[in-house]
């Protein structure tokens, strides 16, 4: 698949300089239709970068899930230079490089403050891995709003999931649900509501706001406010392309993407809270659901359960997939932040 795309995209992928000195970039952004792409990434690359550079830089952008690109191959596409500037979802590329997803393991970051600390502690190592293994220059780390648990009937916490069929979207989420006695069911995002209506699932893990927008208040009654995961992605450049750019262009791109990252994180935090409020029937969200949902708060019991799940299930299963390199990376960069040391046993 990668080989077949090289001829199709290679000519468009490279940064190009015109006779007048304008540098033209082709960018692969995040997922189409979501706020991060439509309200932040797309306007940044289509207009803001030109204004920031006084016309020195122009760019076109297409979404990660558009144009025939496969998210699973994004690291290789960047390494080969088929894509010169692109976004890789860590949970998607974790099949090839599980170490990269260390910062978004299930139940690792129950809130955005913890997520910020986790990313800060691991960021330099993330940059080093991308540079040495994939020849990618890390420019940004983005996050989507929190992914939480919605259910069709009442529950008071994580231990109430025994026997329920839960929609999951990753191996890690499935392992977590199985450890809780639930039955994980892999369901695409577009099929969440039909799966709940038809009894294929009893619960679903998805974003707080996206869950509201697809109509989960019509088919579920309760939603947990603890983040299961977030949906982190990295934005980077092929290093050959990056190093070929003039120094002033690299400086403008790096500072601009840093500001874009800041705005994306603020939006993710705001959308997480807004999603919960909308599901609960907030008037500011427009027409309220016929039956406002019940928000299930993170209890002391759930906080304790989360910690045990992380230590006894999530981290050991990740280490089993990832190996000694991940043991060393976790203990060096993340153990101090989370007060958990892992071993290869």
Protein backbone atom coordinates (compact mmCIF):
# COMPACT_ATOMS: atom_id res chain seq x y z
CA UNK A 1 0.00 0.00 0.00
CA UNK A 2 2.78 2.44 0.92
CA UNK A 3 4.65 1.70 -2.32
CA UNK A 4 1.52 2.30 -4.34
CA UNK A 5 1.02 5.73 -2.84
CA UNK A 6 4.52 7.00 -3.51
CA UNK A 7 3.91 7.85 -7.15
CA UNK A 8 0.50 9.33 -6.38
CA UNK A 9 1.57 11.72 -3.64
CA UNK A 10 5.32 12.26 -3.92
CA UNK A 11 5.15 15.20 -6.30
CA UNK A 12 2.61 16.98 -4.11
CA UNK A 13 4.29 16.12 -0.83
CA UNK A 14 7.45 18.15 -1.10
CA UNK A 15 7.73 21.73 0.09
CA UNK A 16 8.28 23.86 -3.01
CA UNK A 17 9.82 27.29 -3.45
CA UNK A 18 8.63 29.60 -6.21
CA UNK A 19 10.72 32.10 -8.07
CA UNK A 20 9.36 34.84 -5.84
CA UNK A 21 10.59 33.12 -2.72
CA UNK A 22 7.24 31.76 -1.49
CA UNK A 23 7.46 28.32 0.11
CA UNK A 24 4.49 26.08 -0.63
CA UNK A 25 3.62 23.29 1.82
CA UNK A 26 1.30 20.31 1.55
CA UNK A 27 -0.05 19.21 4.92
CA UNK A 28 -2.03 16.21 6.14
CA UNK A 29 -4.03 17.30 9.19
CA UNK A 30 -6.35 15.59 11.66
CA UNK A 31 -9.71 13.91 11.20
CA UNK A 32 -12.20 15.58 8.87
CA UNK A 33 -15.35 17.06 10.31
CA UNK A 34 -14.06 17.44 13.87
CA UNK A 35 -13.55 20.82 15.54
CA UNK A 36 -9.76 20.43 15.67
CA UNK A 37 -9.61 20.22 11.89
CA UNK A 38 -12.42 22.53 10.76
CA UNK A 39 -11.97 25.40 13.24
CA UNK A 40 -8.25 25.25 14.05
CA UNK A 41 -5.99 23.28 11.70
CA UNK A 42 -7.67 24.15 8.41
CA UNK A 43 -7.74 27.94 8.89
CA UNK A 44 -4.22 27.93 10.33
CA UNK A 45 -2.70 26.33 7.24
CA UNK A 46 -5.02 27.91 4.66
CA UNK A 47 -4.65 31.52 5.81
CA UNK A 48 -2.96 32.16 9.16
CA UNK A 49 0.47 30.81 8.21
CA UNK A 50 0.56 33.16 5.21
CA UNK A 51 -0.28 36.14 7.43
CA UNK A 52 2.31 35.12 10.04
CA UNK A 53 5.03 34.89 7.38
CA UNK A 54 3.98 37.99 5.42
CA UNK A 55 3.24 35.81 2.43
CA UNK A 56 6.48 33.84 2.65
CA UNK A 57 4.63 30.56 3.33
CA UNK A 58 1.50 29.19 1.70
CA UNK A 59 -0.04 25.81 2.42
CA UNK A 60 -2.77 23.42 1.44
CA UNK A 61 -4.21 20.89 3.88
CA UNK A 62 -6.25 17.73 3.56
CA UNK A 63 -7.61 15.57 6.40
CA UNK A 64 -5.95 12.39 7.64
CA UNK A 65 -9.00 10.35 6.66
CA UNK A 66 -9.23 11.81 3.16
CA UNK A 67 -7.44 11.26 -0.12
CA UNK A 68 -6.83 7.53 0.22
CA UNK A 69 -4.24 7.75 2.99
CA UNK A 70 -4.21 5.03 5.66
CA UNK A 71 -3.62 6.30 9.18
CA UNK A 72 -1.77 3.10 10.09
CA UNK A 73 0.91 3.95 7.51
CA UNK A 74 1.46 7.61 8.38
CA UNK A 75 4.82 7.12 10.10
CA UNK A 76 6.15 5.26 7.07
CA UNK A 77 4.69 7.82 4.66
CA UNK A 78 6.47 10.58 6.56
CA UNK A 79 9.70 8.60 6.77
CA UNK A 80 9.70 8.00 3.01
CA UNK A 81 8.81 11.61 2.25
CA UNK A 82 5.57 10.62 0.52
CA UNK A 83 3.98 12.99 3.05
CA UNK A 84 6.21 15.91 4.01
CA UNK A 85 4.07 17.37 6.85
CA UNK A 86 1.54 15.06 8.48
CA UNK A 87 -0.46 13.91 11.48
CA UNK A 88 -0.27 10.46 13.07
CA UNK A 89 -2.83 9.25 15.61
CA UNK A 90 -0.83 7.46 18.31
CA UNK A 91 -3.47 4.82 19.02
CA UNK A 92 -3.59 3.98 15.30
CA UNK A 93 0.17 3.71 14.70
CA UNK A 94 0.71 1.88 18.00
CA UNK A 95 0.39 -1.44 16.18
CA UNK A 96 3.81 -0.79 14.63
CA UNK A 97 5.28 1.32 17.43
CA UNK A 98 3.52 0.73 20.78
CA UNK A 99 6.10 2.83 22.63
CA UNK A 100 4.66 5.99 21.07
CA UNK A 101 1.28 5.40 22.72
CA UNK A 102 2.75 5.35 26.24
CA UNK A 103 1.22 8.78 26.90
CA UNK A 104 -2.38 7.81 26.01
CA UNK A 105 -2.82 4.38 27.54
CA UNK A 106 -6.35 3.67 28.86
CA UNK A 107 -7.06 5.20 32.31
CA UNK A 108 -3.57 6.72 32.48
CA UNK A 109 -4.89 10.29 32.31
CA UNK A 110 -8.28 10.68 34.03
CA UNK A 111 -8.30 14.45 33.42
CA UNK A 112 -6.60 16.95 31.16
CA UNK A 113 -4.30 18.27 33.88
CA UNK A 114 -2.80 14.79 34.27
CA UNK A 115 -2.59 14.46 30.50
CA UNK A 116 -0.57 17.68 30.29
CA UNK A 117 1.92 16.42 32.86
CA UNK A 118 2.23 13.08 31.10
CA UNK A 119 2.93 14.64 27.71
CA UNK A 120 5.42 17.12 29.16
CA UNK A 121 7.38 14.33 30.84
CA UNK A 122 7.54 12.18 27.68
CA UNK A 123 7.75 14.80 24.94
CA UNK A 124 11.51 14.86 24.42
CA UNK A 125 11.67 11.07 24.29
CA UNK A 126 8.79 11.08 21.81
CA UNK A 127 10.76 13.51 19.64
CA UNK A 128 13.89 11.35 19.89
CA UNK A 129 12.03 8.17 18.88
CA UNK A 130 10.42 9.85 15.87
CA UNK A 131 13.75 11.35 14.78
CA UNK A 132 15.95 8.27 15.16
CA UNK A 133 13.52 5.55 14.02
CA UNK A 134 11.44 7.39 11.43
CA UNK A 135 13.44 10.46 10.38
CA UNK A 136 10.53 12.67 11.50
CA UNK A 137 10.90 16.08 13.12
CA UNK A 138 8.27 16.46 15.86
CA UNK A 139 6.51 19.82 15.65
CA UNK A 140 3.35 19.37 17.72
CA UNK A 141 1.39 17.06 20.01
CA UNK A 142 -2.39 17.44 19.70
CA UNK A 143 -5.27 16.02 21.71
CA UNK A 144 -8.94 15.42 21.07
CA UNK A 145 -11.54 15.78 23.89
CA UNK A 146 -11.83 13.06 26.53
CA UNK A 147 -13.28 9.70 25.56
CA UNK A 148 -15.67 8.55 28.27
CA UNK A 149 -18.17 5.80 29.00
CA UNK A 150 -21.86 6.11 27.98
CA UNK A 151 -24.40 3.43 29.04
CA UNK A 152 -28.04 2.63 28.27
CA UNK A 153 -28.92 1.95 31.91
CA UNK A 154 -27.81 3.23 35.28
CA UNK A 155 -24.37 2.55 36.69
CA UNK A 156 -22.55 4.00 39.67
CA UNK A 157 -19.00 3.27 38.63
CA UNK A 158 -16.54 1.03 36.84
CA UNK A 159 -17.42 -2.06 38.85
CA UNK A 160 -21.00 -1.94 37.54
CA UNK A 161 -19.92 -2.93 34.02
CA UNK A 162 -19.78 -6.69 34.61
CA UNK A 163 -21.57 -8.50 31.79
CA UNK A 164 -22.29 -5.36 29.75
CA UNK A 165 -21.32 -5.19 26.09
CA UNK A 166 -19.14 -2.09 25.64
CA UNK A 167 -18.14 -0.44 22.37
CA UNK A 168 -14.38 0.02 22.21
CA UNK A 169 -12.06 1.41 19.54
CA UNK A 170 -8.64 0.01 20.43
CA UNK A 171 -6.90 -3.07 21.78
CA UNK A 172 -6.07 -1.26 25.02
CA UNK A 173 -9.69 -0.24 25.63
CA UNK A 174 -10.83 -3.79 24.93
CA UNK A 175 -8.34 -5.23 27.42
CA UNK A 176 -9.51 -2.72 30.02
CA UNK A 177 -13.19 -3.58 29.60
CA UNK A 178 -12.47 -7.31 29.72
CA UNK A 179 -10.60 -6.80 33.00
CA UNK A 180 -13.73 -5.14 34.41
CA UNK A 181 -15.85 -8.14 33.46
CA UNK A 182 -17.45 -6.36 30.51
CA UNK A 183 -17.63 -7.71 26.95
CA UNK A 184 -15.67 -5.49 24.55
CA UNK A 185 -17.13 -5.02 21.08
CA UNK A 186 -15.12 -3.20 18.39
CA UNK A 187 -17.56 -0.86 16.63
CA UNK A 188 -16.71 1.94 14.16
CA UNK A 189 -17.64 5.46 15.27
CA UNK A 190 -20.34 5.81 12.62
CA UNK A 191 -22.11 2.68 13.91
CA UNK A 192 -22.22 3.54 17.63
CA UNK A 193 -25.86 4.68 17.72
CA UNK A 194 -27.25 1.76 15.64
CA UNK A 195 -25.25 -0.69 17.78
CA UNK A 196 -26.81 0.72 20.94
CA UNK A 197 -30.33 0.84 19.46
CA UNK A 198 -30.14 -2.74 18.23
CA UNK A 199 -28.67 -4.19 21.40
CA UNK A 200 -25.28 -5.01 19.87
CA UNK A 201 -23.81 -2.98 22.72
CA UNK A 202 -25.04 -1.74 26.09
CA UNK A 203 -22.42 0.99 26.52
CA UNK A 204 -19.94 2.91 24.37
CA UNK A 205 -16.63 4.67 24.86
CA UNK A 206 -16.42 7.85 22.78
CA UNK A 207 -15.86 11.60 23.10
CA UNK A 208 -18.02 13.65 25.42
CA UNK A 209 -18.98 16.19 22.75
CA UNK A 210 -18.98 13.88 19.74
CA UNK A 211 -21.22 11.54 21.73
CA UNK A 212 -23.70 14.37 22.22
CA UNK A 213 -23.48 15.43 18.57
CA UNK A 214 -24.31 11.95 17.23
CA UNK A 215 -27.33 11.67 19.55
CA UNK A 216 -26.20 9.45 22.42
CA UNK A 217 -28.60 11.17 24.86
CA UNK A 218 -31.39 9.58 22.82
CA UNK A 219 -30.10 6.04 23.34
CA UNK A 220 -28.14 6.18 26.62
CA UNK A 221 -28.98 7.46 30.09
CA UNK A 222 -25.71 7.73 32.05
CA UNK A 223 -22.21 9.01 31.23
CA UNK A 224 -19.06 8.76 33.37
CA UNK A 225 -16.97 11.93 33.71
CA UNK A 226 -13.59 10.15 33.91
CA UNK A 227 -11.51 10.06 30.74
CA UNK A 228 -10.73 6.54 29.53
CA UNK A 229 -8.37 7.94 26.90
CA UNK A 230 -7.97 11.08 24.78
CA UNK A 231 -6.89 10.45 21.20
CA UNK A 232 -3.43 12.03 21.07
CA UNK A 233 -1.70 12.66 17.78
CA UNK A 234 1.70 13.92 16.70
CA UNK A 235 2.30 16.42 13.93
CA UNK A 236 5.68 16.23 12.26
CA UNK A 237 7.74 16.72 9.13
CA UNK A 238 9.94 14.51 7.02
CA UNK A 239 13.41 15.61 8.17
CA UNK A 240 14.92 15.84 4.69
CA UNK A 241 12.13 18.22 3.69
CA UNK A 242 12.37 20.05 7.01
CA UNK A 243 16.12 20.58 6.80
CA UNK A 244 15.84 21.81 3.21
CA UNK A 245 13.66 24.74 4.26
CA UNK A 246 15.19 28.17 4.93
CA UNK A 247 15.86 28.87 8.62
CA UNK A 248 13.28 31.68 8.78
CA UNK A 249 10.59 29.40 7.34
CA UNK A 250 11.38 26.64 9.85
CA UNK A 251 11.25 29.17 12.70
CA UNK A 252 7.86 30.53 11.57
CA UNK A 253 6.38 27.03 11.18
CA UNK A 254 7.68 25.86 14.55
CA UNK A 255 6.37 28.90 16.45
CA UNK A 256 3.08 28.83 14.55
CA UNK A 257 2.47 25.15 15.24
CA UNK A 258 3.31 25.69 18.93
CA UNK A 259 0.55 28.30 19.09
CA UNK A 260 -1.82 26.03 17.16
CA UNK A 261 -1.07 23.25 19.65
CA UNK A 262 -1.87 25.56 22.57
CA UNK A 263 -5.24 26.42 21.03
CA UNK A 264 -6.04 22.77 20.24
CA UNK A 265 -5.45 21.79 23.87
CA UNK A 266 -7.62 24.64 25.15
CA UNK A 267 -10.37 23.60 22.72
CA UNK A 268 -10.12 19.95 23.80
CA UNK A 269 -10.52 20.90 27.45
CA UNK A 270 -13.45 23.19 26.69
CA UNK A 271 -15.13 20.60 24.44
CA UNK A 272 -14.75 17.91 27.11
CA UNK A 273 -16.64 20.04 29.63
CA UNK A 274 -19.16 21.28 27.09
CA UNK A 275 -19.91 17.73 26.00
CA UNK A 276 -20.75 16.69 29.55
CA UNK A 277 -22.90 19.80 30.04
CA UNK A 278 -24.76 19.24 26.78
CA UNK A 279 -25.44 15.60 27.59
CA UNK A 280 -26.85 16.75 30.92
CA UNK A 281 -29.25 19.12 29.13
CA UNK A 282 -27.55 22.52 29.36
CA UNK A 283 -29.72 25.22 27.77
CA UNK A 284 -26.68 26.76 26.05
CA UNK A 285 -26.44 23.68 23.81
CA UNK A 286 -29.72 24.35 22.00
CA UNK A 287 -32.68 22.01 22.13
CA UNK A 288 -32.11 19.81 25.20
CA UNK A 289 -32.41 16.04 24.93
CA UNK A 290 -35.84 14.66 25.82
CA UNK A 291 -34.26 13.00 28.86
CA UNK A 292 -31.11 14.76 30.13
CA UNK A 293 -28.38 12.28 30.94
CA UNK A 294 -27.07 11.54 34.43
CA UNK A 295 -23.40 12.43 34.89
CA UNK A 296 -21.64 9.75 36.94
CA UNK A 297 -18.81 11.45 38.88
CA UNK A 298 -15.43 9.88 39.52
CA UNK A 299 -15.80 8.36 42.99
CA UNK A 300 -13.06 7.42 45.43
CA UNK A 301 -13.78 3.79 44.62
CA UNK A 302 -13.34 4.47 40.89
CA UNK A 303 -10.12 6.41 41.50
CA UNK A 304 -8.72 3.46 43.42
CA UNK A 305 -9.98 0.99 40.80
CA UNK A 306 -8.41 3.06 38.03
CA UNK A 307 -5.04 2.91 39.76
CA UNK A 308 -5.19 -0.86 40.15
CA UNK A 309 -6.30 -1.33 36.55
CA UNK A 310 -3.38 0.77 35.36
CA UNK A 311 -0.84 -1.16 37.42
CA UNK A 312 -2.26 -4.68 37.06
CA UNK A 313 -3.76 -4.70 33.55
CA UNK A 314 -2.98 -1.76 31.29
CA UNK A 315 0.75 -1.40 31.87
CA UNK A 316 1.59 -5.14 31.94
CA UNK A 317 -0.35 -5.76 28.69
CA UNK A 318 1.37 -2.78 27.04
CA UNK A 319 4.79 -3.99 28.18
CA UNK A 320 4.01 -7.45 26.78
CA UNK A 321 3.39 -5.88 23.36
CA UNK A 322 6.23 -3.40 23.57
CA UNK A 323 9.16 -5.09 25.33
CA UNK A 324 12.21 -3.93 27.23
CA UNK A 325 12.49 -0.58 25.45
CA UNK A 326 9.12 0.41 26.88
CA UNK A 327 10.10 -0.69 30.38
CA UNK A 328 13.10 1.59 30.20
CA UNK A 329 11.15 4.47 28.67
CA UNK A 330 8.34 4.26 31.23
CA UNK A 331 10.65 4.05 34.24
CA UNK A 332 12.84 6.88 32.98
CA UNK A 333 10.20 9.39 31.89
CA UNK A 334 6.78 8.47 33.29
CA UNK A 335 7.34 6.58 36.53
CA UNK A 336 8.22 9.81 38.40
CA UNK A 337 4.99 11.46 37.18
CA UNK A 338 2.67 8.54 37.98
CA UNK A 339 4.58 6.93 40.90
CA UNK A 340 4.44 3.51 39.23
CA UNK A 341 7.52 1.49 38.29
CA UNK A 342 7.19 -1.37 35.82
CA UNK A 343 9.26 -4.49 35.15
CA UNK A 344 9.67 -6.86 32.23
CA UNK A 345 8.48 -9.86 34.29
